[in-house]
Amino acid sequence: AVEQSGLSAFVTSRMLEQIEKVPLAPLAAELLSAMTDDRRHQRLFDEFTKVVGRFLSDEQALASMREKIREELPSLFNLFRADAYLLKKIIASAGSLLDEVRADPDHPMRTEFDRFVLTFVERLRTSKQYAKRAEKLKRDFLARPELKALAGDMWESLSLFIEQDAKAPNSMIRAHLANMFVEVGRHLAGDAQIRADMNQGFVVALSSFVESQKSGVSKFIADQVKRWDLAQLTRLIEMNIGRDLQYIRFNGMVIGGLAGVALYTVERLFLVG
């Protein structure tokens, strides 16, 4: 029923719209800045050097590199016939450099990496060009069909879990909700200030909502009244407040009669006098 109602598509669409409104560049800048506060970016750098080291130790990767170098510099390697030897020397030097970097927390390459990260964070914060690139990247990512398919799969899994859990006699969701509401009620019962704040908050929120929606509510009521059938409206009024109307009519008749008698009496007195 949930899938047929279109709720899944509605929620997914609203979520993507909200994500679309979030500027990506400043957010990424803050996240990276938080990483640099306790030098966590250096741990990322260590992992990067480990990955490169493993790549340089892979025989298949080395063979691919050797073929690529031979294609790019055929004259050099045809002249010396030493492509394997030169590549091994290059790889050995690179491996030694990576070992030095991992062992030395103050290595110049780490300092250079610090400078690179800080510069990149500052550009994310201030550069309009970086902001445009980040927004384009975000839009391209959100437009990918794989993301919508993933959101649909997640929604389907969640709805299936909720449906199965709701049917279970020992529902976890039901138990957690019951405990949560009991706990909230206990806190509210024991804290008058929270209750007063909540009441005030509800008043402010509802006042703001009514103020913003009053034109729409007025139009809705007016449209509903226009659709009413006059005869049906009269019958409804008679059925619901008919006795009161009869009472008003009777009282009006009595008061009108008394007023008429009084006026007639006054008139006769003046004529006789």
Protein backbone atom coordinates (compact mmCIF):
# COMPACT_ATOMS: atom_id res chain seq x y z
CA ALA A 1 0.00 0.00 0.00
CA VAL A 2 2.86 2.38 0.81
CA GLU A 3 4.52 1.69 -2.54
CA GLN A 4 1.24 2.18 -4.41
CA SER A 5 0.52 5.45 -2.59
CA GLY A 6 3.56 7.11 -4.10
CA LEU A 7 4.99 7.94 -0.67
CA SER A 8 8.35 6.40 -1.57
CA ALA A 9 8.76 8.60 -4.64
CA PHE A 10 7.55 11.65 -2.70
CA VAL A 11 10.00 11.16 0.19
CA THR A 12 12.89 10.41 -2.17
CA SER A 13 12.12 13.50 -4.24
CA ARG A 14 11.90 15.73 -1.15
CA MET A 15 15.17 14.37 0.23
CA LEU A 16 16.99 14.99 -3.05
CA GLU A 17 15.55 18.51 -3.19
CA GLN A 18 16.83 19.26 0.32
CA ILE A 19 20.28 17.86 -0.50
CA GLU A 20 20.30 19.97 -3.66
CA LYS A 21 19.85 23.10 -1.53
CA VAL A 22 22.93 22.40 0.63
CA PRO A 23 26.08 24.17 -0.68
CA LEU A 24 28.66 21.42 -1.08
CA ALA A 25 31.91 23.40 -1.09
CA PRO A 26 31.53 25.05 2.37
CA LEU A 27 30.36 21.76 3.86
CA ALA A 28 33.36 19.89 2.44
CA ALA A 29 35.64 22.66 3.71
CA GLU A 30 34.31 22.31 7.25
CA LEU A 31 34.66 18.52 7.19
CA LEU A 32 38.25 18.68 5.94
CA SER A 33 39.06 21.42 8.43
CA ALA A 34 37.79 19.23 11.27
CA MET A 35 40.06 16.43 10.03
CA THR A 36 43.11 18.69 10.12
CA ASP A 37 42.49 19.81 13.71
CA ASP A 38 43.88 16.58 15.17
CA ARG A 39 45.99 15.66 12.11
CA ARG A 40 43.70 12.85 11.02
CA HIS A 41 44.52 13.78 7.44
CA GLN A 42 48.03 12.44 8.10
CA ARG A 43 46.55 9.03 8.89
CA LEU A 44 44.87 9.19 5.51
CA PHE A 45 48.24 10.06 4.00
CA ASP A 46 49.78 7.01 5.72
CA GLU A 47 47.10 4.76 4.24
CA PHE A 48 47.79 6.26 0.82
CA THR A 49 51.52 5.47 1.09
CA LYS A 50 50.68 1.89 2.11
CA VAL A 51 48.45 1.45 -0.92
CA VAL A 52 51.17 2.81 -3.21
CA GLY A 53 53.73 0.54 -1.55
CA ARG A 54 51.56 -2.53 -2.14
CA PHE A 55 51.08 -1.48 -5.75
CA LEU A 56 54.84 -1.18 -6.25
CA SER A 57 55.30 -4.69 -4.85
CA ASP A 58 52.80 -6.25 -7.25
CA GLU A 59 54.57 -8.11 -10.09
CA GLN A 60 51.64 -7.71 -12.48
CA ALA A 61 51.53 -3.98 -11.80
CA LEU A 62 55.27 -3.73 -12.42
CA ALA A 63 54.94 -5.60 -15.70
CA SER A 64 52.19 -3.20 -16.79
CA MET A 65 54.36 -0.23 -15.83
CA ARG A 66 57.30 -1.66 -17.76
CA GLU A 67 55.18 -2.05 -20.89
CA LYS A 68 53.82 1.47 -20.51
CA ILE A 69 57.31 2.94 -20.14
CA ARG A 70 58.53 0.96 -23.14
CA GLU A 71 55.66 2.42 -25.19
CA GLU A 72 56.35 5.98 -24.05
CA LEU A 73 60.17 5.83 -24.30
CA PRO A 74 60.96 3.15 -26.91
CA SER A 75 64.22 4.74 -28.11
CA LEU A 76 65.73 4.88 -24.64
CA PHE A 77 64.99 1.28 -23.74
CA ASN A 78 65.86 -0.06 -27.20
CA LEU A 79 69.21 1.68 -26.84
CA PHE A 80 70.11 0.42 -23.37
CA ARG A 81 68.08 -2.82 -23.30
CA ALA A 82 67.77 -2.24 -19.58
CA ASP A 83 64.11 -1.46 -18.99
CA ALA A 84 63.68 -4.13 -16.29
CA TYR A 85 66.83 -3.04 -14.44
CA LEU A 86 65.93 0.67 -14.55
CA LEU A 87 62.36 0.00 -13.46
CA LYS A 88 63.55 -2.07 -10.50
CA LYS A 89 65.88 0.73 -9.42
CA ILE A 90 63.08 3.29 -9.71
CA ILE A 91 60.68 1.08 -7.74
CA ALA A 92 63.29 0.41 -5.05
CA SER A 93 63.97 4.12 -4.63
CA ALA A 94 60.25 4.90 -4.44
CA GLY A 95 59.73 2.16 -1.85
CA SER A 96 62.58 3.49 0.29
CA LEU A 97 61.13 7.00 0.12
CA LEU A 98 57.71 5.78 1.22
CA ASP A 99 59.27 3.91 4.16
CA GLU A 100 61.06 7.08 5.23
CA VAL A 101 57.87 9.12 5.04
CA ARG A 102 55.92 6.61 7.15
CA ALA A 103 58.68 6.46 9.77
CA ASP A 104 59.20 10.22 10.10
CA PRO A 105 56.23 12.29 11.40
CA ASP A 106 58.09 15.49 10.45
CA HIS A 107 59.12 14.43 6.95
CA PRO A 108 59.10 17.26 4.37
CA MET A 109 56.54 15.36 2.29
CA ARG A 110 54.15 15.42 5.26
CA THR A 111 54.67 19.17 5.59
CA GLU A 112 53.94 19.56 1.90
CA PHE A 113 50.79 17.48 2.30
CA ASP A 114 49.70 19.72 5.19
CA ARG A 115 50.17 22.77 3.00
CA PHE A 116 48.23 21.16 0.16
CA VAL A 117 45.25 20.25 2.40
CA LEU A 118 45.07 23.68 4.07
CA THR A 119 45.23 25.44 0.70
CA PHE A 120 42.52 23.19 -0.69
CA VAL A 121 40.26 23.87 2.33
CA GLU A 122 40.72 27.62 1.94
CA ARG A 123 39.86 27.45 -1.76
CA LEU A 124 36.73 25.47 -1.01
CA ARG A 125 35.67 28.20 1.39
CA THR A 126 36.43 31.22 -0.76
CA SER A 127 36.78 30.27 -4.42
CA LYS A 128 33.69 30.76 -6.59
CA GLN A 129 35.23 28.50 -9.21
CA TYR A 130 35.62 25.67 -6.70
CA ALA A 131 32.04 26.25 -5.52
CA LYS A 132 30.72 25.97 -9.10
CA ARG A 133 32.68 22.76 -9.67
CA ALA A 134 31.40 21.30 -6.40
CA GLU A 135 27.79 22.16 -7.27
CA LYS A 136 28.15 20.61 -10.72
CA LEU A 137 29.63 17.49 -9.16
CA LYS A 138 26.73 17.32 -6.70
CA ARG A 139 24.09 17.77 -9.42
CA ASP A 140 25.70 15.12 -11.61
CA PHE A 141 25.81 12.74 -8.66
CA LEU A 142 22.19 13.34 -7.66
CA ALA A 143 21.03 12.90 -11.26
CA ARG A 144 22.54 9.44 -11.60
CA PRO A 145 19.88 6.70 -11.91
CA GLU A 146 21.92 4.44 -9.63
CA LEU A 147 21.29 6.81 -6.72
CA LYS A 148 17.53 6.78 -7.26
CA ALA A 149 17.60 3.00 -7.55
CA LEU A 150 19.58 2.79 -4.30
CA ALA A 151 17.09 5.08 -2.55
CA GLY A 152 14.23 2.92 -3.81
CA ASP A 153 15.91 -0.26 -2.57
CA MET A 154 16.57 1.30 0.83
CA TRP A 155 12.95 2.46 1.11
CA GLU A 156 11.66 -0.98 0.11
CA SER A 157 13.89 -2.69 2.68
CA LEU A 158 12.83 -0.24 5.39
CA SER A 159 9.12 -0.55 4.64
CA LEU A 160 9.41 -4.36 4.56
CA PHE A 161 11.19 -4.38 7.93
CA ILE A 162 8.59 -2.06 9.49
CA GLU A 163 5.72 -4.14 8.09
CA GLN A 164 7.18 -7.42 9.36
CA ASP A 165 8.07 -5.94 12.73
CA ALA A 166 4.61 -4.43 13.18
CA LYS A 167 3.02 -7.87 12.66
CA ALA A 168 5.34 -9.55 15.16
CA PRO A 169 3.96 -10.10 18.69
CA ASN A 170 7.24 -8.86 20.21
CA SER A 171 7.67 -5.86 17.92
CA MET A 172 10.91 -3.99 18.63
CA ILE A 173 9.62 -0.75 17.13
CA ARG A 174 6.43 -0.87 19.19
CA ALA A 175 8.39 -1.58 22.37
CA HIS A 176 10.87 1.23 21.72
CA LEU A 177 8.10 3.70 20.90
CA ALA A 178 6.16 2.75 24.03
CA ASN A 179 9.24 3.15 26.22
CA MET A 180 10.09 6.45 24.56
CA PHE A 181 6.61 7.91 25.08
CA VAL A 182 6.49 6.69 28.68
CA GLU A 183 9.87 8.29 29.36
CA VAL A 184 8.81 11.54 27.69
CA GLY A 185 5.59 11.58 29.68
CA ARG A 186 7.49 10.99 32.91
CA HIS A 187 9.81 13.90 32.22
CA LEU A 188 6.93 16.19 31.26
CA ALA A 189 4.98 15.25 34.38
CA GLY A 190 7.92 16.15 36.59
CA ASP A 191 9.06 19.36 34.92
CA ALA A 192 6.62 22.26 34.83
CA GLN A 193 9.09 24.51 33.04
CA ILE A 194 9.37 22.12 30.08
CA ARG A 195 5.58 21.93 29.86
CA ALA A 196 5.31 25.71 29.88
CA ASP A 197 8.02 26.02 27.22
CA MET A 198 6.31 23.41 25.05
CA ASN A 199 2.94 25.13 25.39
CA GLN A 200 4.48 28.45 24.47
CA GLY A 201 6.27 26.85 21.53
CA PHE A 202 3.03 25.29 20.29
CA VAL A 203 1.24 28.63 20.57
CA VAL A 204 3.98 30.42 18.61
CA ALA A 205 4.17 27.69 15.97
CA LEU A 206 0.41 27.48 15.50
CA SER A 207 0.06 31.26 15.42
CA SER A 208 2.73 31.48 12.75
CA PHE A 209 1.11 28.65 10.79
CA VAL A 210 -2.36 30.19 10.97
CA GLU A 211 -0.97 33.60 10.00
CA SER A 212 0.81 32.15 6.98
CA GLN A 213 -2.11 29.97 5.91
CA LYS A 214 -5.10 32.19 6.71
CA SER A 215 -5.61 33.25 3.10
CA GLY A 216 -5.59 29.63 2.00
CA VAL A 217 -7.96 28.61 4.81
CA SER A 218 -10.32 31.48 3.96
CA LYS A 219 -10.35 30.46 0.31
CA PHE A 220 -10.97 26.82 1.26
CA ILE A 221 -13.92 27.74 3.49
CA ALA A 222 -15.34 30.06 0.85
CA ASP A 223 -15.06 27.36 -1.81
CA GLN A 224 -16.79 24.85 0.46
CA VAL A 225 -19.64 27.26 1.22
CA LYS A 226 -20.11 27.94 -2.49
CA ARG A 227 -20.59 24.20 -3.06
CA TRP A 228 -23.31 23.89 -0.41
CA ASP A 229 -26.89 23.36 -1.55
CA LEU A 230 -29.18 26.01 0.00
CA ALA A 231 -32.05 23.61 0.62
CA GLN A 232 -29.75 21.05 2.23
CA LEU A 233 -28.13 23.79 4.34
CA THR A 234 -31.57 24.89 5.56
CA ARG A 235 -32.49 21.32 6.52
CA LEU A 236 -29.20 20.91 8.41
CA ILE A 237 -29.80 24.12 10.33
CA GLU A 238 -33.36 23.08 11.17
CA MET A 239 -32.19 19.63 12.31
CA ASN A 240 -29.35 20.91 14.49
CA ILE A 241 -30.72 24.18 15.91
CA GLY A 242 -34.42 23.88 15.05
CA ARG A 243 -35.62 24.09 18.67
CA ASP A 244 -33.62 27.24 19.25
CA LEU A 245 -35.08 28.78 16.12
CA GLN A 246 -38.63 27.91 17.25
CA TYR A 247 -37.88 29.41 20.66
CA ILE A 248 -36.59 32.58 19.04
CA ARG A 249 -39.65 32.78 16.81
CA PHE A 250 -42.05 32.26 19.76
CA ASN A 251 -40.29 34.84 21.91
CA GLY A 252 -40.34 37.29 19.03
CA MET A 253 -44.06 36.78 18.57
CA VAL A 254 -44.81 37.29 22.29
CA ILE A 255 -42.59 40.35 22.58
CA GLY A 256 -44.07 41.79 19.41
CA GLY A 257 -47.60 41.24 20.72
CA LEU A 258 -46.85 42.85 24.07
CA ALA A 259 -45.23 45.81 22.35
CA GLY A 260 -48.31 46.21 20.16
CA VAL A 261 -50.67 46.14 23.17
CA ALA A 262 -48.52 48.71 24.98
CA LEU A 263 -48.48 51.04 22.00
CA TYR A 264 -52.26 50.69 21.57
CA THR A 265 -52.85 51.47 25.25
CA VAL A 266 -50.63 54.56 25.15
CA GLU A 267 -52.39 55.74 22.01
CA ARG A 268 -55.86 55.36 23.59
CA LEU A 269 -54.79 57.21 26.71
CA PHE A 270 -53.56 60.15 24.68
CA LEU A 271 -56.76 60.20 22.63
CA VAL A 272 -58.97 60.06 25.70
CA GLY A 273 -56.94 62.73 27.45
